[in-house]
Amino acid sequence: MERVKNSKVAYWADKLAVESEPNLTTAQLMLFNHDLKPVEPERRQWGAWNFVGFWVGTSRTLETDHERGLIMYSGLFQHQHMDDFFRKHR
């Protein structure tokens, strides 16, 4: 066992380890780390315009263009397609 503790594999495994809260089970460790926690109020820097810019920036993706193409190809209006979409995905 001592040989594994001093190996290069152990060194890199320790470097790649994510900091976690003590006394958590393996299942809890999968669901909790620093990246998944909400940002504390004092570290929040986004305002309303940041969210608007993010929304506009992500509205033009391959998925949305594909969806628009399907709407036009099927001959539906936007609201008809959304009604159909929400009925199917309840």
Protein backbone atom coordinates (compact mmCIF):
# COMPACT_ATOMS: atom_id res chain seq x y z
CA MET A 1 0.00 0.00 0.00
CA GLU A 2 2.88 2.33 0.74
CA ARG A 3 4.05 1.95 -2.85
CA VAL A 4 0.74 3.29 -4.21
CA LYS A 5 0.74 6.29 -1.87
CA ASN A 6 4.06 7.51 -3.25
CA SER A 7 3.40 6.80 -6.92
CA LYS A 8 2.84 9.26 -9.76
CA VAL A 9 -0.74 8.02 -10.09
CA ALA A 10 -1.45 8.94 -6.47
CA TYR A 11 0.19 12.33 -7.00
CA TRP A 12 -2.01 13.17 -10.01
CA ALA A 13 -5.12 11.74 -8.39
CA ASP A 14 -4.52 14.08 -5.47
CA LYS A 15 -3.98 17.03 -7.83
CA LEU A 16 -7.24 16.30 -9.67
CA ALA A 17 -9.31 15.75 -6.53
CA VAL A 18 -12.16 18.20 -5.94
CA GLU A 19 -12.50 19.84 -2.54
CA SER A 20 -15.59 18.65 -0.71
CA GLU A 21 -17.42 18.93 2.56
CA PRO A 22 -16.38 16.40 5.20
CA ASN A 23 -18.53 13.41 6.23
CA LEU A 24 -20.47 13.03 2.97
CA THR A 25 -21.35 9.67 1.43
CA THR A 26 -20.19 8.78 -2.07
CA ALA A 27 -23.67 9.55 -3.46
CA GLN A 28 -23.69 12.93 -1.75
CA LEU A 29 -20.20 13.71 -3.07
CA MET A 30 -21.48 13.20 -6.62
CA LEU A 31 -24.12 15.89 -6.08
CA PHE A 32 -22.16 18.45 -4.09
CA ASN A 33 -19.07 20.42 -4.93
CA HIS A 34 -18.02 24.04 -5.26
CA ASP A 35 -19.04 24.27 -8.92
CA LEU A 36 -22.61 23.14 -8.22
CA LYS A 37 -23.27 25.37 -5.23
CA PRO A 38 -25.17 28.63 -5.83
CA VAL A 39 -22.95 31.69 -5.97
CA GLU A 40 -22.90 33.59 -2.70
CA PRO A 41 -24.68 37.00 -2.82
CA GLU A 42 -21.46 38.96 -2.28
CA ARG A 43 -19.83 37.28 -5.33
CA ARG A 44 -22.76 37.79 -7.72
CA GLN A 45 -21.85 40.25 -10.46
CA TRP A 46 -24.47 39.74 -13.16
CA GLY A 47 -27.12 42.38 -13.71
CA ALA A 48 -30.24 42.40 -15.87
CA TRP A 49 -28.32 43.30 -19.03
CA ASN A 50 -25.98 40.35 -18.56
CA PHE A 51 -28.95 37.98 -18.57
CA VAL A 52 -30.45 39.70 -21.63
CA GLY A 53 -27.14 39.39 -23.47
CA PHE A 54 -26.81 35.74 -22.51
CA TRP A 55 -30.37 35.02 -23.65
CA VAL A 56 -29.86 36.78 -27.00
CA GLY A 57 -26.48 35.11 -27.49
CA THR A 58 -27.81 31.62 -26.89
CA SER A 59 -31.00 32.10 -28.90
CA ARG A 60 -29.07 31.59 -32.15
CA THR A 61 -27.88 27.99 -31.89
CA LEU A 62 -28.06 25.01 -34.17
CA GLU A 63 -30.96 23.57 -32.16
CA THR A 64 -33.11 26.68 -32.47
CA ASP A 65 -32.34 27.00 -36.18
CA HIS A 66 -33.32 23.37 -36.64
CA GLU A 67 -36.55 23.97 -34.72
CA ARG A 68 -37.37 27.01 -36.86
CA GLY A 69 -36.76 24.97 -39.99
CA LEU A 70 -39.14 22.28 -38.77
CA ILE A 71 -41.80 24.89 -38.05
CA MET A 72 -41.50 26.40 -41.53
CA TYR A 73 -41.37 23.00 -43.22
CA SER A 74 -44.49 21.79 -41.43
CA GLY A 75 -46.41 24.98 -42.37
CA LEU A 76 -47.29 25.83 -38.78
CA PHE A 77 -47.28 29.27 -37.23
CA GLN A 78 -45.04 29.76 -34.19
CA HIS A 79 -47.87 29.63 -31.64
CA GLN A 80 -49.32 26.48 -33.24
CA HIS A 81 -45.98 24.77 -32.98
CA MET A 82 -45.55 25.79 -29.32
CA ASP A 83 -49.02 24.44 -28.47
CA ASP A 84 -48.09 21.15 -30.08
CA PHE A 85 -44.69 21.10 -28.37
CA PHE A 86 -46.14 21.61 -24.88
CA ARG A 87 -48.83 19.00 -25.42
CA LYS A 88 -46.21 16.42 -26.36
CA HIS A 89 -43.75 17.25 -23.57
CA ARG A 90 -45.95 17.29 -20.48
